[in-house]
C-alpha atoms as a PDB file:
ATOM      1  CA  UNK A   1      -4.576  -3.205 -24.395  1.00  0.00           C
ATOM      2  CA  UNK A   2      -7.255  -3.767 -21.641  1.00  0.00           C
ATOM      3  CA  UNK A   3     -10.172  -1.473 -21.841  1.00  0.00           C
ATOM      4  CA  UNK A   4      -8.840   0.264 -25.025  1.00  0.00           C
ATOM      5  CA  UNK A   5     -11.085   2.841 -26.452  1.00  0.00           C
ATOM      6  CA  UNK A   6     -11.083   2.917 -30.199  1.00  0.00           C
ATOM      7  CA  UNK A   7     -11.323   6.042 -32.076  1.00  0.00           C
ATOM      8  CA  UNK A   8     -15.090   6.398 -33.002  1.00  0.00           C
ATOM      9  CA  UNK A   9     -14.166   8.088 -36.355  1.00  0.00           C
ATOM     10  CA  UNK A  10     -11.922   5.038 -37.484  1.00  0.00           C
ATOM     11  CA  UNK A  11     -13.261   2.793 -40.201  1.00  0.00           C
ATOM     12  CA  UNK A  12     -12.910  -0.230 -38.055  1.00  0.00           C
ATOM     13  CA  UNK A  13     -14.943   1.277 -35.128  1.00  0.00           C
ATOM     14  CA  UNK A  14     -18.261  -0.606 -34.438  1.00  0.00           C
ATOM     15  CA  UNK A  15     -20.622   1.984 -33.031  1.00  0.00           C
ATOM     16  CA  UNK A  16     -22.153  -0.619 -30.729  1.00  0.00           C
ATOM     17  CA  UNK A  17     -18.801  -1.896 -29.354  1.00  0.00           C
ATOM     18  CA  UNK A  18     -16.427   1.065 -28.813  1.00  0.00           C
ATOM     19  CA  UNK A  19     -14.653  -0.321 -25.762  1.00  0.00           C
ATOM     20  CA  UNK A  20     -12.837  -3.611 -26.109  1.00  0.00           C
ATOM     21  CA  UNK A  21     -12.355  -5.429 -22.893  1.00  0.00           C
ATOM     22  CA  UNK A  22     -10.282  -8.554 -22.272  1.00  0.00           C
ATOM     23  CA  UNK A  23     -12.914 -10.847 -20.350  1.00  0.00           C
ATOM     24  CA  UNK A  24     -10.266 -13.397 -19.871  1.00  0.00           C
ATOM     25  CA  UNK A  25      -8.048 -11.250 -17.619  1.00  0.00           C
ATOM     26  CA  UNK A  26      -7.720 -12.424 -14.093  1.00  0.00           C
ATOM     27  CA  UNK A  27      -8.061  -9.019 -12.409  1.00  0.00           C
ATOM     28  CA  UNK A  28      -7.497 -10.528  -9.003  1.00  0.00           C
ATOM     29  CA  UNK A  29      -4.224 -12.003 -10.036  1.00  0.00           C
ATOM     30  CA  UNK A  30      -3.141  -8.780 -11.751  1.00  0.00           C
ATOM     31  CA  UNK A  31      -4.001  -6.463  -8.863  1.00  0.00           C
ATOM     32  CA  UNK A  32      -4.317  -8.656  -5.758  1.00  0.00           C
ATOM     33  CA  UNK A  33      -0.854  -7.727  -4.319  1.00  0.00           C
ATOM     34  CA  UNK A  34      -1.520  -4.161  -4.830  1.00  0.00           C
ATOM     35  CA  UNK A  35      -4.959  -4.564  -3.064  1.00  0.00           C
ATOM     36  CA  UNK A  36      -3.220  -6.122  -0.093  1.00  0.00           C
ATOM     37  CA  UNK A  37      -0.957  -3.122   0.325  1.00  0.00           C
ATOM     38  CA  UNK A  38      -3.940  -0.676   0.186  1.00  0.00           C
ATOM     39  CA  UNK A  39      -5.908  -2.970   2.649  1.00  0.00           C
ATOM     40  CA  UNK A  40      -2.963  -3.194   5.032  1.00  0.00           C
ATOM     41  CA  UNK A  41      -2.662   0.645   4.920  1.00  0.00           C
ATOM     42  CA  UNK A  42      -6.345   1.254   5.422  1.00  0.00           C
ATOM     43  CA  UNK A  43      -6.366   1.472   9.064  1.00  0.00           C
ATOM     44  CA  UNK A  44      -5.396   4.782  10.761  1.00  0.00           C
ATOM     45  CA  UNK A  45      -2.916   3.136  13.165  1.00  0.00           C
ATOM     46  CA  UNK A  46      -1.222   1.230  10.501  1.00  0.00           C
ATOM     47  CA  UNK A  47      -0.990   4.292   8.272  1.00  0.00           C
ATOM     48  CA  UNK A  48       0.465   6.192  11.210  1.00  0.00           C
ATOM     49  CA  UNK A  49       3.049   3.301  11.784  1.00  0.00           C
ATOM     50  CA  UNK A  50       4.044   3.486   8.161  1.00  0.00           C
ATOM     51  CA  UNK A  51       4.114   7.212   8.128  1.00  0.00           C
ATOM     52  CA  UNK A  52       6.567   7.176  10.981  1.00  0.00           C
ATOM     53  CA  UNK A  53       8.883   4.647   9.276  1.00  0.00           C
ATOM     54  CA  UNK A  54       9.217   6.948   6.207  1.00  0.00           C
ATOM     55  CA  UNK A  55      12.279   8.735   7.555  1.00  0.00           C
ATOM     56  CA  UNK A  56      14.022   6.046   9.434  1.00  0.00           C
ATOM     57  CA  UNK A  57      13.606   2.454  10.903  1.00  0.00           C
ATOM     58  CA  UNK A  58      12.141   2.207  14.494  1.00  0.00           C
ATOM     59  CA  UNK A  59      11.959  -0.479  17.160  1.00  0.00           C
ATOM     60  CA  UNK A  60       8.357  -1.500  18.356  1.00  0.00           C
ATOM     61  CA  UNK A  61       9.161   0.138  21.598  1.00  0.00           C
ATOM     62  CA  UNK A  62       9.945   3.470  19.939  1.00  0.00           C
ATOM     63  CA  UNK A  63       6.833   3.237  17.684  1.00  0.00           C
ATOM     64  CA  UNK A  64       4.324   2.475  20.573  1.00  0.00           C
ATOM     65  CA  UNK A  65       5.945   5.227  22.769  1.00  0.00           C
ATOM     66  CA  UNK A  66       5.621   7.894  20.015  1.00  0.00           C
ATOM     67  CA  UNK A  67       2.091   6.780  18.850  1.00  0.00           C
ATOM     68  CA  UNK A  68       0.772   6.307  22.396  1.00  0.00           C
ATOM     69  CA  UNK A  69      -0.409   2.613  21.966  1.00  0.00           C
ATOM     70  CA  UNK A  70       0.411  -0.394  23.733  1.00  0.00           C
ATOM     71  CA  UNK A  71       3.329  -2.501  22.530  1.00  0.00           C
ATOM     72  CA  UNK A  72       1.083  -5.638  21.782  1.00  0.00           C
ATOM     73  CA  UNK A  73      -1.224  -3.368  19.526  1.00  0.00           C
ATOM     74  CA  UNK A  74       1.759  -1.897  17.703  1.00  0.00           C
ATOM     75  CA  UNK A  75       3.256  -5.301  17.223  1.00  0.00           C
ATOM     76  CA  UNK A  76      -0.056  -6.661  15.917  1.00  0.00           C
ATOM     77  CA  UNK A  77      -0.444  -3.863  13.371  1.00  0.00           C
ATOM     78  CA  UNK A  78       3.106  -4.201  12.388  1.00  0.00           C
ATOM     79  CA  UNK A  79       2.712  -7.884  11.678  1.00  0.00           C
ATOM     80  CA  UNK A  80      -0.177  -7.083   9.201  1.00  0.00           C
ATOM     81  CA  UNK A  81       2.039  -4.563   7.432  1.00  0.00           C
ATOM     82  CA  UNK A  82       4.768  -7.142   7.371  1.00  0.00           C
ATOM     83  CA  UNK A  83       2.577  -9.781   5.865  1.00  0.00           C
ATOM     84  CA  UNK A  84       1.503  -7.389   3.100  1.00  0.00           C
ATOM     85  CA  UNK A  85       5.077  -6.450   2.265  1.00  0.00           C
ATOM     86  CA  UNK A  86       4.701  -2.967   3.485  1.00  0.00           C
ATOM     87  CA  UNK A  87       7.525  -3.196   5.997  1.00  0.00           C
ATOM     88  CA  UNK A  88      10.487  -5.391   6.768  1.00  0.00           C
ATOM     89  CA  UNK A  89      11.795  -6.598  10.060  1.00  0.00           C
ATOM     90  CA  UNK A  90      15.373  -7.021  11.309  1.00  0.00           C
ATOM     91  CA  UNK A  91      16.053  -8.687  14.689  1.00  0.00           C
ATOM     92  CA  UNK A  92      18.955  -7.272  16.836  1.00  0.00           C
ATOM     93  CA  UNK A  93      19.023  -9.724  19.834  1.00  0.00           C
ATOM     94  CA  UNK A  94      15.631  -9.301  21.399  1.00  0.00           C
ATOM     95  CA  UNK A  95      14.766  -5.999  19.551  1.00  0.00           C
ATOM     96  CA  UNK A  96      12.876  -6.069  16.438  1.00  0.00           C
ATOM     97  CA  UNK A  97      13.573  -3.049  14.104  1.00  0.00           C
ATOM     98  CA  UNK A  98      10.952  -2.224  11.278  1.00  0.00           C
ATOM     99  CA  UNK A  99      11.557  -0.175   8.252  1.00  0.00           C
ATOM    100  CA  UNK A 100       9.348   0.492   5.095  1.00  0.00           C
ATOM    101  CA  UNK A 101      10.077  -2.306   2.430  1.00  0.00           C
ATOM    102  CA  UNK A 102      11.260   0.208  -0.242  1.00  0.00           C
ATOM    103  CA  UNK A 103      10.717   3.758  -1.731  1.00  0.00           C
ATOM    104  CA  UNK A 104       7.669   2.952  -3.528  1.00  0.00           C
ATOM    105  CA  UNK A 105       5.839   2.458  -0.205  1.00  0.00           C
ATOM    106  CA  UNK A 106       7.104   5.634   1.053  1.00  0.00           C
ATOM    107  CA  UNK A 107       5.898   7.528  -2.105  1.00  0.00           C
ATOM    108  CA  UNK A 108       2.418   5.928  -1.723  1.00  0.00           C
ATOM    109  CA  UNK A 109       2.185   7.158   1.916  1.00  0.00           C
ATOM    110  CA  UNK A 110       3.567  10.713   1.173  1.00  0.00           C
ATOM    111  CA  UNK A 111       1.380  11.144  -1.768  1.00  0.00           C
ATOM    112  CA  UNK A 112      -1.812   9.982  -0.094  1.00  0.00           C
ATOM    113  CA  UNK A 113      -1.027  12.114   2.960  1.00  0.00           C
ATOM    114  CA  UNK A 114      -0.303  15.199   0.726  1.00  0.00           C
ATOM    115  CA  UNK A 115      -3.534  14.590  -1.364  1.00  0.00           C
ATOM    116  CA  UNK A 116      -5.789  14.446   1.775  1.00  0.00           C
ATOM    117  CA  UNK A 117      -4.246  17.634   3.081  1.00  0.00           C
ATOM    118  CA  UNK A 118      -4.872  19.503  -0.214  1.00  0.00           C
ATOM    119  CA  UNK A 119      -8.427  18.182  -0.745  1.00  0.00           C
END
């Protein structure tokens, strides 16, 4: 186990090396995709876009209207969320409709929002 703490009272415990860390672990490979999601959500407008997609899918037109931003700006930030696998897009003729990728993303957004309101 990575970063495993050994019981100091155990006979195998070395007082000089209580924590064993796997130095060969590629942390970027392990957590890189998660970091991409948090990076994409680390902008107020992108978080607001994702928050509005929690309940239902929306077109770019609906999102830019309800958030009071230009359509090109909304589209730009939706593209960043799309590239980070936060949202997915479906095209109906000339209209792009966006929805959150899955319930995990919805939980992240709801939990962070609730946490910040409580603290």
